[in-house]
Amino acid sequence: MAILNVLPFAHELTRRALRPGSVAVDATAGNGHDTVHLASTVGEDGRVYSIDVQEQAVKATRHKIDTRVPDVDVRLIHGDHAALLEHIEKEDIGQVGAVMFNLGYLPRGDHDLITTPETTLPALDAALDLLQLGGVITIVLYTGHDGGPEEADAVHGWARALPQHEYRVLSYRFTNRENNPPRLLAVEKR
């Protein structure tokens, strides 16, 4: 397939921004797919911070790490992405190659527990502080649930306001798909 779906494209963008030994962050660990991707990309000399507010997500991510990338330094944190900077070692601030966000709810989890602009926007601001030059933030937005369209609008507004001389922002979405397909925003620090 020449045109990648949203999640594989987010992985491709982060793969390009990272190298072995890089530092990366999964700000919404979910079921651990992005954490494993980041860990596989940075390798044994790198470090990944993986954060989620739900214990169920932390456990699922731990299982994936233990079975797929056990030799990578993955720091699993049961916490809120709004406090992102509090979870990252000081020496890694400004040294992060990629930060991934998958917004919405935990698949196969409680669909009433969702990310919101009140926590996501501070987390995105913190992610900007974490990035090194050339680093990227990927934000996958889901709009098919209550609160999803409002969060997507808030995140798009946040991204549009970023100064173009400091950041490049990409919006990636399929426009001919039904049922509110996910969309991707990617931010690169210049």
N, C-alpha and C. Protein backbone atom coordinates (compact mmCIF):
# COMPACT_ATOMS: atom_id res chain seq x y z
N MET A 1 0.85 -1.18 0.00
CA MET A 1 0.00 0.00 0.00
C MET A 1 0.90 1.24 0.00
N ALA A 2 0.67 2.12 -0.92
CA ALA A 2 1.48 3.33 -1.03
C ALA A 2 1.11 4.36 0.02
N ILE A 3 -0.18 4.47 0.34
CA ILE A 3 -0.63 5.42 1.36
C ILE A 3 -0.84 4.66 2.66
N LEU A 4 -0.09 5.04 3.67
CA LEU A 4 -0.17 4.37 4.96
C LEU A 4 -1.40 4.80 5.75
N ASN A 5 -1.96 3.88 6.52
CA ASN A 5 -3.00 4.24 7.47
C ASN A 5 -2.38 5.12 8.55
N VAL A 6 -3.22 5.72 9.37
CA VAL A 6 -2.77 6.72 10.34
C VAL A 6 -1.74 6.16 11.32
N LEU A 7 -2.01 5.02 11.95
CA LEU A 7 -1.07 4.50 12.95
C LEU A 7 0.27 4.09 12.35
N PRO A 8 0.30 3.35 11.23
CA PRO A 8 1.61 3.05 10.63
C PRO A 8 2.36 4.31 10.19
N PHE A 9 1.63 5.34 9.77
CA PHE A 9 2.30 6.57 9.37
C PHE A 9 2.90 7.28 10.59
N ALA A 10 2.19 7.26 11.72
CA ALA A 10 2.75 7.82 12.96
C ALA A 10 4.03 7.06 13.33
N HIS A 11 4.01 5.74 13.19
CA HIS A 11 5.21 4.95 13.48
C HIS A 11 6.35 5.29 12.53
N GLU A 12 6.03 5.49 11.27
CA GLU A 12 7.07 5.84 10.30
C GLU A 12 7.70 7.20 10.63
N LEU A 13 6.88 8.17 11.00
CA LEU A 13 7.41 9.49 11.35
C LEU A 13 8.32 9.42 12.57
N THR A 14 7.92 8.66 13.58
CA THR A 14 8.77 8.55 14.77
C THR A 14 10.02 7.74 14.47
N ARG A 15 9.92 6.73 13.64
CA ARG A 15 11.10 5.93 13.25
C ARG A 15 12.15 6.84 12.58
N ARG A 16 11.69 7.76 11.78
CA ARG A 16 12.62 8.68 11.09
C ARG A 16 13.28 9.67 12.05
N ALA A 17 12.59 9.99 13.15
CA ALA A 17 13.11 10.97 14.11
C ALA A 17 14.03 10.34 15.15
N LEU A 18 13.98 9.02 15.27
CA LEU A 18 14.75 8.32 16.31
C LEU A 18 15.92 7.55 15.69
N ARG A 19 16.85 7.21 16.55
CA ARG A 19 17.97 6.36 16.16
C ARG A 19 18.30 5.48 17.36
N PRO A 20 19.11 4.46 17.20
CA PRO A 20 19.51 3.68 18.37
C PRO A 20 20.14 4.59 19.43
N GLY A 21 19.70 4.43 20.67
CA GLY A 21 20.20 5.26 21.77
C GLY A 21 19.37 6.49 22.07
N SER A 22 18.34 6.75 21.27
CA SER A 22 17.48 7.92 21.49
C SER A 22 16.60 7.74 22.72
N VAL A 23 16.01 8.86 23.14
CA VAL A 23 15.00 8.87 24.20
C VAL A 23 13.66 9.15 23.54
N ALA A 24 12.63 8.41 23.95
CA ALA A 24 11.29 8.58 23.39
C ALA A 24 10.25 8.49 24.50
N VAL A 25 9.05 8.99 24.21
CA VAL A 25 7.96 9.00 25.20
C VAL A 25 6.67 8.54 24.53
N ASP A 26 6.00 7.60 25.18
CA ASP A 26 4.63 7.23 24.83
C ASP A 26 3.76 7.85 25.92
N ALA A 27 3.10 8.95 25.60
CA ALA A 27 2.35 9.72 26.60
C ALA A 27 1.01 9.10 26.95
N THR A 28 0.56 8.14 26.15
CA THR A 28 -0.71 7.44 26.40
C THR A 28 -0.48 5.97 26.06
N ALA A 29 0.05 5.22 27.00
CA ALA A 29 0.52 3.86 26.73
C ALA A 29 -0.55 2.93 26.16
N GLY A 30 -1.79 3.06 26.62
CA GLY A 30 -2.85 2.20 26.10
C GLY A 30 -2.50 0.73 26.24
N ASN A 31 -2.58 0.00 25.14
CA ASN A 31 -2.27 -1.43 25.16
C ASN A 31 -0.81 -1.73 24.83
N GLY A 32 0.02 -0.70 24.72
CA GLY A 32 1.46 -0.90 24.60
C GLY A 32 2.04 -0.96 23.20
N HIS A 33 1.23 -0.83 22.18
CA HIS A 33 1.73 -0.96 20.81
C HIS A 33 2.77 0.12 20.48
N ASP A 34 2.47 1.37 20.81
CA ASP A 34 3.43 2.45 20.52
C ASP A 34 4.67 2.33 21.38
N THR A 35 4.51 1.90 22.62
CA THR A 35 5.67 1.72 23.50
C THR A 35 6.62 0.68 22.92
N VAL A 36 6.08 -0.44 22.47
CA VAL A 36 6.92 -1.49 21.86
C VAL A 36 7.59 -0.96 20.60
N HIS A 37 6.85 -0.23 19.77
CA HIS A 37 7.44 0.37 18.56
C HIS A 37 8.62 1.28 18.94
N LEU A 38 8.40 2.16 19.90
CA LEU A 38 9.47 3.09 20.30
C LEU A 38 10.66 2.34 20.87
N ALA A 39 10.40 1.35 21.71
CA ALA A 39 11.49 0.58 22.32
C ALA A 39 12.28 -0.18 21.25
N SER A 40 11.59 -0.76 20.29
CA SER A 40 12.27 -1.47 19.21
C SER A 40 13.14 -0.52 18.39
N THR A 41 12.69 0.71 18.25
CA THR A 41 13.41 1.69 17.44
C THR A 41 14.64 2.23 18.17
N VAL A 42 14.53 2.54 19.46
CA VAL A 42 15.67 3.12 20.19
C VAL A 42 16.66 2.05 20.64
N GLY A 43 16.21 0.83 20.77
CA GLY A 43 17.09 -0.28 21.10
C GLY A 43 17.62 -0.26 22.53
N GLU A 44 18.55 -1.18 22.79
CA GLU A 44 19.06 -1.40 24.15
C GLU A 44 19.82 -0.21 24.71
N ASP A 45 20.32 0.68 23.85
CA ASP A 45 21.04 1.85 24.34
C ASP A 45 20.13 3.05 24.54
N GLY A 46 18.85 2.91 24.19
CA GLY A 46 17.90 4.01 24.32
C GLY A 46 17.06 3.89 25.57
N ARG A 47 16.10 4.80 25.68
CA ARG A 47 15.21 4.82 26.83
C ARG A 47 13.83 5.27 26.36
N VAL A 48 12.80 4.63 26.91
CA VAL A 48 11.41 4.98 26.60
C VAL A 48 10.67 5.20 27.91
N TYR A 49 9.96 6.30 27.98
CA TYR A 49 9.03 6.57 29.07
C TYR A 49 7.64 6.25 28.52
N SER A 50 6.87 5.47 29.27
CA SER A 50 5.54 5.09 28.83
C SER A 50 4.58 5.38 29.99
N ILE A 51 3.58 6.21 29.71
CA ILE A 51 2.72 6.75 30.77
C ILE A 51 1.25 6.44 30.46
N ASP A 52 0.52 6.05 31.47
CA ASP A 52 -0.93 5.93 31.31
C ASP A 52 -1.60 6.10 32.66
N VAL A 53 -2.78 6.68 32.64
CA VAL A 53 -3.54 6.94 33.86
C VAL A 53 -4.28 5.68 34.35
N GLN A 54 -4.42 4.70 33.47
CA GLN A 54 -5.17 3.49 33.83
C GLN A 54 -4.23 2.33 34.16
N GLU A 55 -4.45 1.72 35.30
CA GLU A 55 -3.64 0.58 35.73
C GLU A 55 -3.72 -0.56 34.71
N GLN A 56 -4.90 -0.78 34.14
CA GLN A 56 -5.08 -1.83 33.13
C GLN A 56 -4.14 -1.61 31.95
N ALA A 57 -3.98 -0.37 31.53
CA ALA A 57 -3.09 -0.05 30.41
C ALA A 57 -1.62 -0.29 30.79
N VAL A 58 -1.26 0.07 32.00
CA VAL A 58 0.12 -0.14 32.46
C VAL A 58 0.43 -1.63 32.48
N LYS A 59 -0.49 -2.44 32.95
CA LYS A 59 -0.28 -3.89 33.00
C LYS A 59 -0.16 -4.48 31.59
N ALA A 60 -1.03 -4.06 30.69
CA ALA A 60 -0.99 -4.57 29.31
C ALA A 60 0.33 -4.18 28.64
N THR A 61 0.76 -2.96 28.88
CA THR A 61 2.02 -2.49 28.30
C THR A 61 3.20 -3.25 28.90
N ARG A 62 3.18 -3.46 30.20
CA ARG A 62 4.26 -4.22 30.85
C ARG A 62 4.39 -5.61 30.23
N HIS A 63 3.25 -6.26 30.01
CA HIS A 63 3.29 -7.60 29.41
C HIS A 63 3.93 -7.56 28.03
N LYS A 64 3.55 -6.59 27.20
CA LYS A 64 4.13 -6.49 25.85
C LYS A 64 5.62 -6.20 25.91
N ILE A 65 6.04 -5.35 26.81
CA ILE A 65 7.47 -5.04 26.96
C ILE A 65 8.23 -6.29 27.36
N ASP A 66 7.73 -6.98 28.37
CA ASP A 66 8.42 -8.17 28.89
C ASP A 66 8.55 -9.27 27.85
N THR A 67 7.59 -9.36 26.95
CA THR A 67 7.63 -10.43 25.96
C THR A 67 8.29 -10.02 24.64
N ARG A 68 8.32 -8.73 24.32
CA ARG A 68 8.82 -8.32 23.00
C ARG A 68 10.12 -7.52 23.04
N VAL A 69 10.32 -6.69 24.06
CA VAL A 69 11.53 -5.85 24.12
C VAL A 69 12.08 -5.82 25.55
N PRO A 70 12.36 -6.98 26.13
CA PRO A 70 12.73 -7.02 27.54
C PRO A 70 14.06 -6.36 27.88
N ASP A 71 14.93 -6.18 26.90
CA ASP A 71 16.26 -5.64 27.16
C ASP A 71 16.36 -4.12 26.98
N VAL A 72 15.24 -3.46 26.69
CA VAL A 72 15.24 -2.01 26.49
C VAL A 72 14.81 -1.34 27.80
N ASP A 73 15.42 -0.21 28.10
CA ASP A 73 15.09 0.58 29.29
C ASP A 73 13.75 1.28 29.06
N VAL A 74 12.67 0.63 29.48
CA VAL A 74 11.32 1.20 29.37
C VAL A 74 10.86 1.52 30.78
N ARG A 75 10.56 2.77 31.02
CA ARG A 75 10.09 3.22 32.32
C ARG A 75 8.58 3.41 32.26
N LEU A 76 7.88 2.44 32.81
CA LEU A 76 6.42 2.47 32.81
C LEU A 76 5.93 3.28 34.00
N ILE A 77 5.06 4.24 33.73
CA ILE A 77 4.60 5.16 34.77
C ILE A 77 3.07 5.15 34.81
N HIS A 78 2.53 4.86 35.98
CA HIS A 78 1.09 4.95 36.19
C HIS A 78 0.82 6.39 36.63
N GLY A 79 0.40 7.22 35.67
CA GLY A 79 0.19 8.64 35.96
C GLY A 79 -0.51 9.32 34.81
N ASP A 80 -0.74 10.61 34.99
CA ASP A 80 -1.49 11.42 34.03
C ASP A 80 -0.53 12.11 33.07
N HIS A 81 -0.86 12.09 31.79
CA HIS A 81 0.01 12.76 30.82
C HIS A 81 0.06 14.28 31.02
N ALA A 82 -0.91 14.84 31.73
CA ALA A 82 -0.88 16.28 32.02
C ALA A 82 0.34 16.65 32.85
N ALA A 83 0.87 15.70 33.61
CA ALA A 83 2.06 15.92 34.45
C ALA A 83 3.30 15.34 33.77
N LEU A 84 3.34 15.39 32.46
CA LEU A 84 4.39 14.75 31.68
C LEU A 84 5.80 15.13 32.14
N LEU A 85 6.05 16.39 32.35
CA LEU A 85 7.40 16.83 32.74
C LEU A 85 7.83 16.26 34.09
N GLU A 86 6.89 16.00 34.96
CA GLU A 86 7.23 15.43 36.27
C GLU A 86 7.69 13.98 36.17
N HIS A 87 7.35 13.31 35.08
CA HIS A 87 7.68 11.90 34.91
C HIS A 87 9.01 11.67 34.18
N ILE A 88 9.59 12.72 33.65
CA ILE A 88 10.80 12.59 32.82
C ILE A 88 12.02 13.06 33.60
N GLU A 89 13.11 12.28 33.52
CA GLU A 89 14.36 12.68 34.18
C GLU A 89 14.83 14.02 33.61
N LYS A 90 15.37 14.87 34.48
CA LYS A 90 15.79 16.21 34.06
C LYS A 90 16.78 16.18 32.90
N GLU A 91 17.70 15.19 32.91
CA GLU A 91 18.71 15.15 31.84
C GLU A 91 18.10 14.79 30.48
N ASP A 92 16.87 14.27 30.46
CA ASP A 92 16.22 13.93 29.20
C ASP A 92 15.35 15.06 28.64
N ILE A 93 15.09 16.08 29.43
CA ILE A 93 14.28 17.21 28.95
C ILE A 93 15.08 17.95 27.88
N GLY A 94 14.47 18.12 26.72
CA GLY A 94 15.14 18.74 25.58
C GLY A 94 15.95 17.76 24.76
N GLN A 95 15.92 16.47 25.12
CA GLN A 95 16.71 15.45 24.43
C GLN A 95 15.84 14.35 23.81
N VAL A 96 14.55 14.52 23.82
CA VAL A 96 13.62 13.48 23.36
C VAL A 96 13.44 13.58 21.84
N GLY A 97 13.55 12.43 21.18
CA GLY A 97 13.41 12.40 19.73
C GLY A 97 11.98 12.26 19.25
N ALA A 98 11.12 11.64 20.06
CA ALA A 98 9.72 11.45 19.65
C ALA A 98 8.83 11.30 20.86
N VAL A 99 7.63 11.89 20.76
CA VAL A 99 6.57 11.74 21.76
C VAL A 99 5.32 11.32 21.00
N MET A 100 4.71 10.23 21.45
CA MET A 100 3.49 9.74 20.79
C MET A 100 2.28 9.88 21.71
N PHE A 101 1.17 10.31 21.13
CA PHE A 101 -0.12 10.40 21.81
C PHE A 101 -1.15 9.64 20.98
N ASN A 102 -1.96 8.82 21.61
CA ASN A 102 -3.15 8.22 21.02
C ASN A 102 -4.29 8.64 21.93
N LEU A 103 -5.09 9.57 21.47
CA LEU A 103 -6.12 10.16 22.33
C LEU A 103 -7.42 9.38 22.23
N GLY A 104 -8.31 9.63 23.18
CA GLY A 104 -9.60 8.96 23.20
C GLY A 104 -9.72 8.07 24.41
N TYR A 105 -10.11 6.81 24.19
CA TYR A 105 -10.29 5.86 25.29
C TYR A 105 -9.44 4.63 25.04
N LEU A 106 -9.27 3.84 26.09
CA LEU A 106 -8.49 2.60 26.00
C LEU A 106 -9.31 1.54 25.28
N PRO A 107 -8.83 1.04 24.13
CA PRO A 107 -9.55 -0.04 23.46
C PRO A 107 -9.75 -1.23 24.41
N ARG A 108 -10.90 -1.79 24.40
CA ARG A 108 -11.29 -2.89 25.29
C ARG A 108 -11.25 -2.47 26.76
N GLY A 109 -11.31 -1.17 27.00
CA GLY A 109 -11.35 -0.64 28.36
C GLY A 109 -12.64 0.12 28.60
N ASP A 110 -12.66 0.94 29.63
CA ASP A 110 -13.81 1.75 29.99
C ASP A 110 -13.92 2.92 29.01
N HIS A 111 -14.94 2.90 28.17
CA HIS A 111 -15.11 3.94 27.14
C HIS A 111 -15.58 5.27 27.72
N ASP A 112 -15.93 5.27 29.01
CA ASP A 112 -16.31 6.54 29.65
C ASP A 112 -15.08 7.28 30.17
N LEU A 113 -13.96 6.60 30.27
CA LEU A 113 -12.72 7.23 30.71
C LEU A 113 -11.93 7.63 29.47
N ILE A 114 -11.93 8.94 29.18
CA ILE A 114 -11.34 9.44 27.93
C ILE A 114 -10.33 10.55 28.24
N THR A 115 -9.47 10.79 27.27
CA THR A 115 -8.61 11.97 27.36
C THR A 115 -9.46 13.20 27.08
N THR A 116 -9.05 14.33 27.63
CA THR A 116 -9.81 15.58 27.46
C THR A 116 -8.85 16.72 27.17
N PRO A 117 -9.34 17.81 26.61
CA PRO A 117 -8.46 18.96 26.38
C PRO A 117 -7.82 19.48 27.67
N GLU A 118 -8.50 19.32 28.80
CA GLU A 118 -7.97 19.84 30.07
C GLU A 118 -6.66 19.16 30.46
N THR A 119 -6.48 17.91 30.08
CA THR A 119 -5.22 17.22 30.38
C THR A 119 -4.32 17.14 29.15
N THR A 120 -4.90 17.02 27.98
CA THR A 120 -4.12 16.84 26.77
C THR A 120 -3.34 18.09 26.38
N LEU A 121 -3.96 19.26 26.45
CA LEU A 121 -3.25 20.47 26.03
C LEU A 121 -2.02 20.76 26.90
N PRO A 122 -2.10 20.64 28.24
CA PRO A 122 -0.87 20.80 29.03
C PRO A 122 0.17 19.73 28.69
N ALA A 123 -0.28 18.52 28.40
CA ALA A 123 0.67 17.46 28.02
C ALA A 123 1.36 17.79 26.71
N LEU A 124 0.63 18.34 25.77
CA LEU A 124 1.24 18.73 24.48
C LEU A 124 2.24 19.86 24.67
N ASP A 125 1.91 20.83 25.51
CA ASP A 125 2.87 21.91 25.81
C ASP A 125 4.14 21.33 26.43
N ALA A 126 3.98 20.40 27.35
CA ALA A 126 5.14 19.75 27.98
C ALA A 126 5.95 18.98 26.95
N ALA A 127 5.27 18.30 26.02
CA ALA A 127 5.97 17.54 24.99
C ALA A 127 6.86 18.44 24.14
N LEU A 128 6.41 19.66 23.88
CA LEU A 128 7.26 20.60 23.13
C LEU A 128 8.56 20.86 23.88
N ASP A 129 8.49 20.99 25.21
CA ASP A 129 9.69 21.23 26.01
C ASP A 129 10.63 20.03 26.00
N LEU A 130 10.09 18.84 25.82
CA LEU A 130 10.90 17.63 25.83
C LEU A 130 11.72 17.45 24.56
N LEU A 131 11.21 17.96 23.44
CA LEU A 131 11.80 17.66 22.13
C LEU A 131 13.17 18.27 21.91
N GLN A 132 14.02 17.50 21.25
CA GLN A 132 15.26 18.03 20.71
C GLN A 132 14.96 18.59 19.32
N LEU A 133 15.89 19.31 18.73
CA LEU A 133 15.71 19.78 17.36
C LEU A 133 15.55 18.58 16.45
N GLY A 134 14.57 18.63 15.57
CA GLY A 134 14.28 17.51 14.68
C GLY A 134 13.38 16.47 15.29
N GLY A 135 13.04 16.62 16.57
CA GLY A 135 12.14 15.69 17.24
C GLY A 135 10.71 15.88 16.79
N VAL A 136 9.90 14.84 16.95
CA VAL A 136 8.51 14.90 16.50
C VAL A 136 7.55 14.49 17.61
N ILE A 137 6.37 15.05 17.53
CA ILE A 137 5.23 14.64 18.34
C ILE A 137 4.19 14.12 17.35
N THR A 138 3.67 12.93 17.60
CA THR A 138 2.55 12.43 16.81
C THR A 138 1.33 12.36 17.71
N ILE A 139 0.20 12.80 17.18
CA ILE A 139 -1.04 12.85 17.94
C ILE A 139 -2.13 12.21 17.10
N VAL A 140 -2.57 11.02 17.49
CA VAL A 140 -3.66 10.35 16.79
C VAL A 140 -4.95 10.73 17.50
N LEU A 141 -5.87 11.28 16.73
CA LEU A 141 -7.13 11.80 17.25
C LEU A 141 -8.29 10.92 16.80
N TYR A 142 -9.12 10.56 17.75
CA TYR A 142 -10.32 9.77 17.48
C TYR A 142 -11.53 10.65 17.80
N THR A 143 -12.47 10.70 16.86
CA THR A 143 -13.61 11.61 17.03
C THR A 143 -14.96 10.90 17.08
N GLY A 144 -14.96 9.57 17.13
CA GLY A 144 -16.21 8.82 17.08
C GLY A 144 -16.84 8.56 18.44
N HIS A 145 -16.37 9.23 19.49
CA HIS A 145 -16.94 9.04 20.82
C HIS A 145 -17.29 10.40 21.41
N ASP A 146 -18.13 10.40 22.44
CA ASP A 146 -18.49 11.65 23.11
C ASP A 146 -17.22 12.32 23.62
N GLY A 147 -17.06 13.59 23.31
CA GLY A 147 -15.88 14.34 23.72
C GLY A 147 -14.76 14.33 22.69
N GLY A 148 -14.78 13.36 21.79
CA GLY A 148 -13.72 13.25 20.79
C GLY A 148 -13.62 14.43 19.83
N PRO A 149 -14.76 14.87 19.25
CA PRO A 149 -14.69 16.01 18.33
C PRO A 149 -14.19 17.29 19.03
N GLU A 150 -14.61 17.49 20.27
CA GLU A 150 -14.18 18.69 21.01
C GLU A 150 -12.68 18.64 21.30
N GLU A 151 -12.19 17.47 21.68
CA GLU A 151 -10.75 17.35 21.93
C GLU A 151 -9.97 17.55 20.63
N ALA A 152 -10.43 16.96 19.54
CA ALA A 152 -9.75 17.13 18.25
C ALA A 152 -9.71 18.60 17.85
N ASP A 153 -10.81 19.31 18.03
CA ASP A 153 -10.84 20.74 17.70
C ASP A 153 -9.84 21.52 18.55
N ALA A 154 -9.78 21.21 19.83
CA ALA A 154 -8.84 21.90 20.73
C ALA A 154 -7.40 21.62 20.34
N VAL A 155 -7.10 20.37 20.00
CA VAL A 155 -5.73 20.02 19.61
C VAL A 155 -5.37 20.66 18.28
N HIS A 156 -6.30 20.68 17.33
CA HIS A 156 -6.03 21.36 16.05
C HIS A 156 -5.77 22.85 16.29
N GLY A 157 -6.55 23.48 17.17
CA GLY A 157 -6.32 24.89 17.49
C GLY A 157 -4.95 25.11 18.11
N TRP A 158 -4.55 24.22 19.02
CA TRP A 158 -3.23 24.28 19.63
C TRP A 158 -2.14 24.20 18.56
N ALA A 159 -2.29 23.26 17.64
CA ALA A 159 -1.29 23.04 16.59
C ALA A 159 -1.21 24.23 15.63
N ARG A 160 -2.38 24.78 15.26
CA ARG A 160 -2.39 25.93 14.34
C ARG A 160 -1.69 27.14 14.95
N ALA A 161 -1.69 27.25 16.26
CA ALA A 161 -1.09 28.41 16.93
C ALA A 161 0.42 28.29 17.11
N LEU A 162 1.00 27.14 16.80
CA LEU A 162 2.45 26.99 16.96
C LEU A 162 3.17 27.87 15.93
N PRO A 163 4.23 28.57 16.35
CA PRO A 163 4.94 29.44 15.41
C PRO A 163 5.64 28.62 14.31
N GLN A 164 5.40 29.01 13.06
CA GLN A 164 5.92 28.22 11.95
C GLN A 164 7.44 28.26 11.83
N HIS A 165 8.07 29.26 12.40
CA HIS A 165 9.54 29.30 12.35
C HIS A 165 10.17 28.36 13.38
N GLU A 166 9.37 27.84 14.32
CA GLU A 166 9.87 26.90 15.33
C GLU A 166 9.38 25.48 15.13
N TYR A 167 8.21 25.32 14.46
CA TYR A 167 7.60 24.00 14.32
C TYR A 167 6.99 23.84 12.95
N ARG A 168 7.07 22.62 12.43
CA ARG A 168 6.33 22.25 11.22
C ARG A 168 5.21 21.33 11.68
N VAL A 169 3.98 21.59 11.21
CA VAL A 169 2.82 20.81 11.63
C VAL A 169 2.17 20.18 10.40
N LEU A 170 1.94 18.89 10.50
CA LEU A 170 1.30 18.13 9.43
C LEU A 170 -0.03 17.61 9.91
N SER A 171 -1.06 17.73 9.07
CA SER A 171 -2.36 17.12 9.34
C SER A 171 -2.57 16.03 8.30
N TYR A 172 -2.87 14.82 8.77
CA TYR A 172 -2.97 13.65 7.90
C TYR A 172 -4.26 12.94 8.22
N ARG A 173 -5.11 12.80 7.22
CA ARG A 173 -6.39 12.12 7.44
C ARG A 173 -6.97 11.66 6.12
N PHE A 174 -7.81 10.65 6.22
CA PHE A 174 -8.53 10.15 5.06
C PHE A 174 -9.88 10.85 5.01
N THR A 175 -10.19 11.45 3.88
CA THR A 175 -11.40 12.26 3.79
C THR A 175 -12.59 11.51 3.19
N ASN A 176 -12.37 10.31 2.65
CA ASN A 176 -13.48 9.58 2.04
C ASN A 176 -13.86 8.32 2.82
N ARG A 177 -13.51 8.27 4.09
CA ARG A 177 -13.88 7.12 4.92
C ARG A 177 -15.04 7.49 5.83
N GLU A 178 -15.91 6.50 6.05
CA GLU A 178 -17.07 6.69 6.91
C GLU A 178 -16.69 6.41 8.37
N ASN A 179 -17.60 6.74 9.26
CA ASN A 179 -17.51 6.39 10.68
C ASN A 179 -16.33 7.05 11.40
N ASN A 180 -16.09 8.30 11.14
CA ASN A 180 -15.11 9.08 11.89
C ASN A 180 -13.73 8.41 11.97
N PRO A 181 -13.04 8.26 10.86
CA PRO A 181 -11.72 7.62 10.91
C PRO A 181 -10.75 8.46 11.74
N PRO A 182 -9.74 7.82 12.34
CA PRO A 182 -8.77 8.59 13.11
C PRO A 182 -7.99 9.53 12.21
N ARG A 183 -7.44 10.56 12.81
CA ARG A 183 -6.61 11.51 12.08
C ARG A 183 -5.30 11.67 12.84
N LEU A 184 -4.32 12.19 12.17
CA LEU A 184 -3.01 12.35 12.74
C LEU A 184 -2.55 13.79 12.60
N LEU A 185 -2.04 14.33 13.69
CA LEU A 185 -1.28 15.58 13.64
C LEU A 185 0.15 15.22 14.00
N ALA A 186 1.09 15.76 13.28
CA ALA A 186 2.50 15.56 13.60
C ALA A 186 3.16 16.92 13.70
N VAL A 187 3.99 17.08 14.72
CA VAL A 187 4.69 18.34 14.97
C VAL A 187 6.19 18.04 14.99
N GLU A 188 6.94 18.78 14.19
CA GLU A 188 8.39 18.63 14.17
C GLU A 188 9.03 19.92 14.67
N LYS A 189 9.97 19.79 15.62
CA LYS A 189 10.68 20.96 16.13
C LYS A 189 11.80 21.32 15.19
N ARG A 190 11.82 22.58 14.77
CA ARG A 190 12.83 23.06 13.80
C ARG A 190 14.03 23.65 14.51
